[in-house]
């Protein structure tokens, strides 16, 4: 068991991605983009939860997910609402999770699947497969082998800490975990959360980087990469896929932050500070939040510049003067 090593090979593509990601993380650390923007951190955490659940066919909108997390009444399937509550509680644990501990894995799985499955917090006893919708990607190993396979995976991770780059180690774990499929339910959610946990131990900023939203955008490619690795007998394709997606999401965050830091006036910053992401507001509500009475001042100094920078958008852009018009922070 101590000598087990998951099959993978370091490629030039992986090395290029690791270098690019490291450079972007360096820029983010220097600019303190996420640390200085609590709204951005909160929005990214919501995006992570929404996207990870969406991949598993949860039908709640991102607005509904936000409302559940905020404690508001949401009309929807109780199971889906409970999934959001559980995921939020699990993600809130990231800073204290030891991702190299199997008992921690079980503890967080118990949180992630609370009230949802019978085998919550323990390994499965039945046989399972990996599915993309109705399509079976592959059948997981027999349940009797799960404890040994998980022991071997975690033993490897503990052995190579400091030797294998965290970006590659986390991707290898993600694939191997999905392949083993140790739980009766919640394996995809746990794999994505654990990927984030492993990276956050390297750089804490990963707690608030919504890797899951990037996976959701390329969900078919995500499952295709898993399927190819199963055929190839190594995790190379999946590692490269994940590294590319992480690089892309960091690029998106940096571009958004740079736009705000370099071009946004103090008026627009004040407007953005009173707006939650993806929440529609009327102009009246925003003026009240800003303590403004003049509609002209609001339009000229706040809303128009924000829309010109594409930081805020109308819900009905084809009818800018509609009585039903709302404004959303992007």
Protein backbone atom coordinates (compact mmCIF):
# COMPACT_ATOMS: atom_id res chain seq x y z
CA UNK A 1 0.00 0.00 0.00
CA UNK A 2 2.77 2.45 0.93
CA UNK A 3 4.34 2.10 -2.51
CA UNK A 4 1.17 2.78 -4.52
CA UNK A 5 1.45 5.66 -7.02
CA UNK A 6 -1.47 6.74 -9.24
CA UNK A 7 -0.49 6.45 -12.92
CA UNK A 8 0.25 9.83 -14.52
CA UNK A 9 3.10 11.55 -16.36
CA UNK A 10 4.16 15.19 -16.10
CA UNK A 11 3.78 16.77 -19.57
CA UNK A 12 4.96 20.06 -21.05
CA UNK A 13 1.32 21.20 -21.17
CA UNK A 14 1.01 20.61 -17.43
CA UNK A 15 4.23 22.50 -16.72
CA UNK A 16 3.12 25.44 -18.88
CA UNK A 17 -0.24 25.58 -17.10
CA UNK A 18 1.36 25.39 -13.65
CA UNK A 19 3.66 28.29 -14.56
CA UNK A 20 0.77 30.37 -15.92
CA UNK A 21 -1.43 29.68 -12.89
CA UNK A 22 1.41 30.48 -10.47
CA UNK A 23 2.02 33.79 -12.24
CA UNK A 24 -1.66 34.72 -11.99
CA UNK A 25 -1.83 33.75 -8.32
CA UNK A 26 1.20 35.97 -7.75
CA UNK A 27 -0.60 38.91 -9.35
CA UNK A 28 -3.69 38.29 -7.24
CA UNK A 29 -1.63 38.12 -4.06
CA UNK A 30 0.16 41.35 -4.93
CA UNK A 31 -3.07 43.18 -5.70
CA UNK A 32 -4.97 41.55 -2.82
CA UNK A 33 -7.98 41.42 -5.13
CA UNK A 34 -10.12 38.95 -3.23
CA UNK A 35 -9.00 39.92 0.26
CA UNK A 36 -10.15 43.49 -0.33
CA UNK A 37 -13.48 42.55 -1.92
CA UNK A 38 -15.84 40.68 0.44
CA UNK A 39 -18.66 40.89 -2.11
CA UNK A 40 -16.47 39.17 -4.69
CA UNK A 41 -15.49 36.46 -2.22
CA UNK A 42 -19.11 35.86 -1.29
CA UNK A 43 -20.23 35.82 -4.91
CA UNK A 44 -17.51 33.36 -5.89
CA UNK A 45 -18.44 31.03 -3.02
CA UNK A 46 -22.07 31.10 -4.18
CA UNK A 47 -20.96 30.43 -7.76
CA UNK A 48 -18.94 27.43 -6.55
CA UNK A 49 -21.88 25.92 -4.71
CA UNK A 50 -24.40 26.68 -7.46
CA UNK A 51 -22.21 25.22 -10.21
CA UNK A 52 -21.18 22.10 -8.30
CA UNK A 53 -24.82 21.30 -7.55
CA UNK A 54 -25.89 22.22 -11.07
CA UNK A 55 -23.50 19.59 -12.45
CA UNK A 56 -25.42 17.07 -10.32
CA UNK A 57 -28.77 18.22 -11.82
CA UNK A 58 -29.89 20.55 -9.03
CA UNK A 59 -32.41 22.88 -10.76
CA UNK A 60 -32.30 25.88 -8.41
CA UNK A 61 -31.22 29.16 -10.01
CA UNK A 62 -28.21 31.05 -8.73
CA UNK A 63 -30.63 33.59 -7.24
CA UNK A 64 -32.45 30.85 -5.38
CA UNK A 65 -29.16 29.40 -4.15
CA UNK A 66 -28.24 32.85 -2.84
CA UNK A 67 -31.61 33.17 -1.11
CA UNK A 68 -31.27 29.76 0.56
CA UNK A 69 -27.83 30.72 1.85
CA UNK A 70 -29.20 34.05 3.08
CA UNK A 71 -31.94 32.24 5.01
CA UNK A 72 -34.80 33.46 2.83
CA UNK A 73 -37.84 31.41 1.90
CA UNK A 74 -37.36 29.62 -1.41
CA UNK A 75 -40.02 27.66 -3.27
CA UNK A 76 -38.43 24.50 -4.62
CA UNK A 77 -37.83 20.82 -4.01
CA UNK A 78 -36.86 20.24 -0.39
CA UNK A 79 -34.06 17.88 -1.46
CA UNK A 80 -32.48 20.56 -3.65
CA UNK A 81 -32.80 23.20 -0.94
CA UNK A 82 -31.17 20.83 1.56
CA UNK A 83 -28.33 20.20 -0.92
CA UNK A 84 -27.60 23.95 -0.96
CA UNK A 85 -27.66 24.21 2.84
CA UNK A 86 -25.36 21.21 3.17
CA UNK A 87 -22.93 22.44 0.52
CA UNK A 88 -22.76 25.89 2.11
CA UNK A 89 -21.97 24.33 5.49
CA UNK A 90 -19.35 22.07 3.94
CA UNK A 91 -17.64 24.88 2.00
CA UNK A 92 -17.57 27.00 5.16
CA UNK A 93 -15.26 24.34 6.63
CA UNK A 94 -12.55 24.69 3.97
CA UNK A 95 -10.16 26.71 6.12
CA UNK A 96 -10.12 24.06 8.89
CA UNK A 97 -10.27 20.86 6.81
CA UNK A 98 -7.20 18.65 6.70
CA UNK A 99 -7.51 17.30 3.14
CA UNK A 100 -4.90 14.61 3.80
CA UNK A 101 -7.03 12.88 6.46
CA UNK A 102 -9.55 10.15 5.55
CA UNK A 103 -11.62 10.77 8.69
CA UNK A 104 -11.96 14.39 7.64
CA UNK A 105 -13.22 13.20 4.26
CA UNK A 106 -15.93 11.17 5.96
CA UNK A 107 -16.80 14.03 8.32
CA UNK A 108 -17.33 16.49 5.48
CA UNK A 109 -19.27 13.92 3.46
CA UNK A 110 -21.62 13.60 6.42
CA UNK A 111 -22.18 17.36 6.24
CA UNK A 112 -22.55 17.39 2.45
CA UNK A 113 -25.19 14.63 2.45
CA UNK A 114 -26.99 15.34 5.75
CA UNK A 115 -30.67 14.27 5.62
CA UNK A 116 -30.18 13.15 2.00
CA UNK A 117 -28.68 9.64 2.03
CA UNK A 118 -28.61 6.70 4.45
CA UNK A 119 -24.88 6.06 4.05
CA UNK A 120 -23.89 9.59 5.05
CA UNK A 121 -20.31 9.88 6.25
CA UNK A 122 -19.38 6.27 5.46
CA UNK A 123 -18.17 4.39 2.41
CA UNK A 124 -20.67 2.69 0.13
CA UNK A 125 -21.73 -0.91 0.44
CA UNK A 126 -23.31 -1.20 -3.02
CA UNK A 127 -22.03 -0.94 -6.55
CA UNK A 128 -22.00 2.42 -8.33
CA UNK A 129 -21.16 3.96 -11.69
CA UNK A 130 -20.09 7.41 -12.87
CA UNK A 131 -22.81 9.09 -14.90
CA UNK A 132 -23.12 12.20 -17.06
CA UNK A 133 -26.88 12.58 -16.99
CA UNK A 134 -28.24 9.21 -18.18
CA UNK A 135 -24.95 8.17 -19.79
CA UNK A 136 -22.76 5.79 -17.78
CA UNK A 137 -19.12 6.84 -18.10
CA UNK A 138 -17.79 3.74 -16.33
CA UNK A 139 -18.57 1.41 -13.45
CA UNK A 140 -16.69 2.06 -10.22
CA UNK A 141 -14.59 -0.61 -8.47
CA UNK A 142 -16.44 -3.10 -6.23
CA UNK A 143 -17.51 -1.72 -2.83
CA UNK A 144 -15.31 -4.23 -0.99
CA UNK A 145 -12.21 -2.59 -2.51
CA UNK A 146 -13.11 1.01 -1.59
CA UNK A 147 -11.41 1.17 1.86
CA UNK A 148 -8.14 -0.17 0.47
CA UNK A 149 -8.20 2.10 -2.60
CA UNK A 150 -8.89 5.20 -0.50
CA UNK A 151 -6.16 4.22 1.98
CA UNK A 152 -3.69 3.88 -0.91
CA UNK A 153 -4.70 7.22 -2.43
CA UNK A 154 -4.36 9.12 0.84
CA UNK A 155 -1.10 7.34 1.69
CA UNK A 156 0.29 8.48 -1.66
CA UNK A 157 -0.83 12.09 -1.09
CA UNK A 158 0.76 12.19 2.34
CA UNK A 159 3.95 10.64 1.01
CA UNK A 160 4.44 13.07 -1.89
CA UNK A 161 3.49 16.32 -0.13
CA UNK A 162 6.22 18.77 -1.08
CA UNK A 163 7.33 16.64 -4.03
CA UNK A 164 4.37 16.76 -6.42
CA UNK A 165 3.12 20.28 -7.16
CA UNK A 166 -0.22 20.93 -5.39
CA UNK A 167 -1.90 21.85 -8.68
CA UNK A 168 -1.03 18.44 -10.12
CA UNK A 169 -1.59 16.53 -6.89
CA UNK A 170 -5.10 17.98 -6.51
CA UNK A 171 -6.00 17.04 -10.08
CA UNK A 172 -4.68 13.50 -9.65
CA UNK A 173 -6.70 13.15 -6.46
CA UNK A 174 -9.83 14.48 -8.19
CA UNK A 175 -9.67 11.87 -10.94
CA UNK A 176 -8.69 8.98 -8.67
CA UNK A 177 -11.46 9.87 -6.21
CA UNK A 178 -14.10 9.98 -8.96
CA UNK A 179 -12.78 6.64 -10.28
CA UNK A 180 -12.97 4.99 -6.84
CA UNK A 181 -16.40 6.56 -6.20
CA UNK A 182 -16.19 5.77 -2.48
CA UNK A 183 -19.64 7.00 -1.42
CA UNK A 184 -23.17 6.00 -2.40
CA UNK A 185 -23.92 9.64 -3.28
CA UNK A 186 -22.17 13.01 -3.33
CA UNK A 187 -18.93 11.83 -4.95
CA UNK A 188 -18.81 14.60 -7.57
CA UNK A 189 -19.54 17.31 -5.01
CA UNK A 190 -16.90 15.92 -2.66
CA UNK A 191 -14.28 15.57 -5.42
CA UNK A 192 -14.68 19.21 -6.43
CA UNK A 193 -14.72 20.45 -2.83
CA UNK A 194 -11.63 18.39 -1.95
CA UNK A 195 -9.82 19.72 -5.02
CA UNK A 196 -10.42 23.23 -3.66
CA UNK A 197 -9.34 22.18 -0.16
CA UNK A 198 -6.05 20.79 -1.42
CA UNK A 199 -5.31 23.94 -3.42
CA UNK A 200 -6.30 26.25 -0.55
CA UNK A 201 -3.63 24.61 1.63
CA UNK A 202 -1.14 25.75 -0.99
CA UNK A 203 -2.64 29.22 -1.55
CA UNK A 204 -5.52 30.32 0.68
CA UNK A 205 -7.01 32.45 -2.12
CA UNK A 206 -8.32 29.22 -3.72
CA UNK A 207 -11.03 29.15 -1.04
CA UNK A 208 -12.79 31.82 -3.09
CA UNK A 209 -11.95 30.83 -6.66
CA UNK A 210 -15.01 29.21 -8.27
CA UNK A 211 -13.31 26.38 -10.14
CA UNK A 212 -16.67 24.60 -10.13
CA UNK A 213 -18.23 27.28 -12.33
CA UNK A 214 -15.58 26.66 -14.97
CA UNK A 215 -16.21 22.91 -14.83
CA UNK A 216 -19.93 23.52 -15.25
CA UNK A 217 -19.30 25.54 -18.42
CA UNK A 218 -17.39 22.60 -19.88
CA UNK A 219 -19.31 19.78 -18.21
CA UNK A 220 -19.26 17.45 -21.22
CA UNK A 221 -15.50 17.96 -21.62
CA UNK A 222 -15.11 17.26 -17.88
CA UNK A 223 -16.81 13.88 -18.18
CA UNK A 224 -15.08 13.15 -21.50
CA UNK A 225 -11.70 13.72 -19.85
CA UNK A 226 -12.66 11.30 -17.06
CA UNK A 227 -13.78 8.71 -19.60
CA UNK A 228 -10.57 9.06 -21.67
CA UNK A 229 -8.44 8.59 -18.55
CA UNK A 230 -10.37 5.45 -17.71
CA UNK A 231 -9.57 4.09 -21.17
CA UNK A 232 -5.94 5.27 -21.17
CA UNK A 233 -5.19 3.97 -17.70
CA UNK A 234 -3.74 7.25 -16.41
CA UNK A 235 -5.01 10.69 -15.36
CA UNK A 236 -2.99 12.83 -17.82
CA UNK A 237 -5.93 14.08 -19.87
CA UNK A 238 -7.88 15.02 -16.76
CA UNK A 239 -4.92 16.81 -15.16
CA UNK A 240 -4.42 18.92 -18.28
CA UNK A 241 -8.14 19.67 -18.50
CA UNK A 242 -8.34 20.85 -14.88
CA UNK A 243 -5.19 22.96 -15.09
CA UNK A 244 -6.50 24.71 -18.20
CA UNK A 245 -9.83 25.47 -16.51
CA UNK A 246 -8.13 26.84 -13.40
CA UNK A 247 -5.97 29.05 -15.59
CA UNK A 248 -9.07 30.34 -17.39
CA UNK A 249 -11.03 31.17 -14.24
CA UNK A 250 -8.03 33.04 -12.78
CA UNK A 251 -7.75 35.05 -16.00
CA UNK A 252 -11.43 35.98 -15.70
CA UNK A 253 -11.07 37.08 -12.08
CA UNK A 254 -7.95 39.13 -12.81
CA UNK A 255 -9.57 40.91 -15.75
CA UNK A 256 -12.65 41.80 -13.71
CA UNK A 257 -10.58 43.04 -10.78
CA UNK A 258 -8.23 45.05 -12.99
CA UNK A 259 -11.13 46.79 -14.70
CA UNK A 260 -12.55 47.80 -11.37
CA UNK A 261 -9.24 48.90 -9.86
CA UNK A 262 -8.04 50.97 -12.82
CA UNK A 263 -11.13 52.55 -14.35
CA UNK A 264 -13.83 52.77 -11.71
CA UNK A 265 -14.64 56.11 -10.11
CA UNK A 266 -15.39 56.47 -6.41
CA UNK A 267 -19.06 56.95 -7.29
CA UNK A 268 -19.20 53.65 -9.17
CA UNK A 269 -17.31 51.89 -6.37
CA UNK A 270 -19.95 53.09 -3.91
CA UNK A 271 -22.67 51.77 -6.21
CA UNK A 272 -20.99 48.38 -6.54
CA UNK A 273 -20.52 48.15 -2.78
CA UNK A 274 -24.28 48.29 -2.17
CA UNK A 275 -25.12 45.72 -4.88
CA UNK A 276 -24.96 41.97 -4.40
CA UNK A 277 -23.95 39.99 -7.48
CA UNK A 278 -26.78 38.69 -9.67
CA UNK A 279 -29.48 40.40 -7.54
CA UNK A 280 -31.88 42.67 -9.52
CA UNK A 281 -32.42 46.18 -8.06
CA UNK A 282 -34.72 49.03 -8.99
CA UNK A 283 -33.18 52.48 -9.34
CA UNK A 284 -35.28 53.63 -6.36
CA UNK A 285 -33.83 50.97 -4.09
CA UNK A 286 -30.28 51.76 -5.18
CA UNK A 287 -30.79 55.48 -4.61
CA UNK A 288 -32.05 54.73 -1.11
CA UNK A 289 -29.02 52.56 -0.38
CA UNK A 290 -26.73 55.36 -1.59
CA UNK A 291 -28.65 58.08 0.25
CA UNK A 292 -29.39 59.96 -2.98
CA UNK A 293 -32.45 62.04 -3.87
CA UNK A 294 -31.53 63.30 -7.34
CA UNK A 295 -32.26 60.85 -10.17
CA UNK A 296 -30.04 62.90 -12.48
CA UNK A 297 -27.08 62.62 -10.10
CA UNK A 298 -27.71 58.88 -9.77
CA UNK A 299 -27.79 58.36 -13.54
CA UNK A 300 -24.90 60.67 -14.43
CA UNK A 301 -22.40 59.80 -11.71
CA UNK A 302 -23.31 56.26 -10.73
CA UNK A 303 -25.42 54.12 -13.06
CA UNK A 304 -24.37 55.31 -16.53
CA UNK A 305 -20.59 54.98 -15.84
CA UNK A 306 -21.15 51.55 -14.26
CA UNK A 307 -23.04 50.33 -17.33
CA UNK A 308 -20.46 51.82 -19.70
CA UNK A 309 -17.82 49.71 -17.94
CA UNK A 310 -20.18 46.71 -18.20
CA UNK A 311 -20.10 46.26 -14.45
CA UNK A 312 -23.86 46.64 -14.21
CA UNK A 313 -26.46 45.62 -16.77
CA UNK A 314 -30.18 46.14 -17.33
CA UNK A 315 -32.60 43.23 -17.07
CA UNK A 316 -34.58 44.71 -20.00
CA UNK A 317 -31.92 46.41 -22.15
CA UNK A 318 -34.24 46.72 -25.15
CA UNK A 319 -36.58 48.92 -23.04
CA UNK A 320 -34.30 51.14 -20.94
CA UNK A 321 -37.19 53.23 -19.55
CA UNK A 322 -39.45 50.30 -18.67
CA UNK A 323 -41.20 50.54 -15.31
CA UNK A 324 -40.09 46.94 -14.73
CA UNK A 325 -36.43 47.74 -15.32
CA UNK A 326 -33.95 46.29 -12.87
CA UNK A 327 -30.17 46.52 -12.62
CA UNK A 328 -27.81 43.62 -11.94
CA UNK A 329 -24.18 43.67 -10.89
CA UNK A 330 -22.08 41.44 -13.15
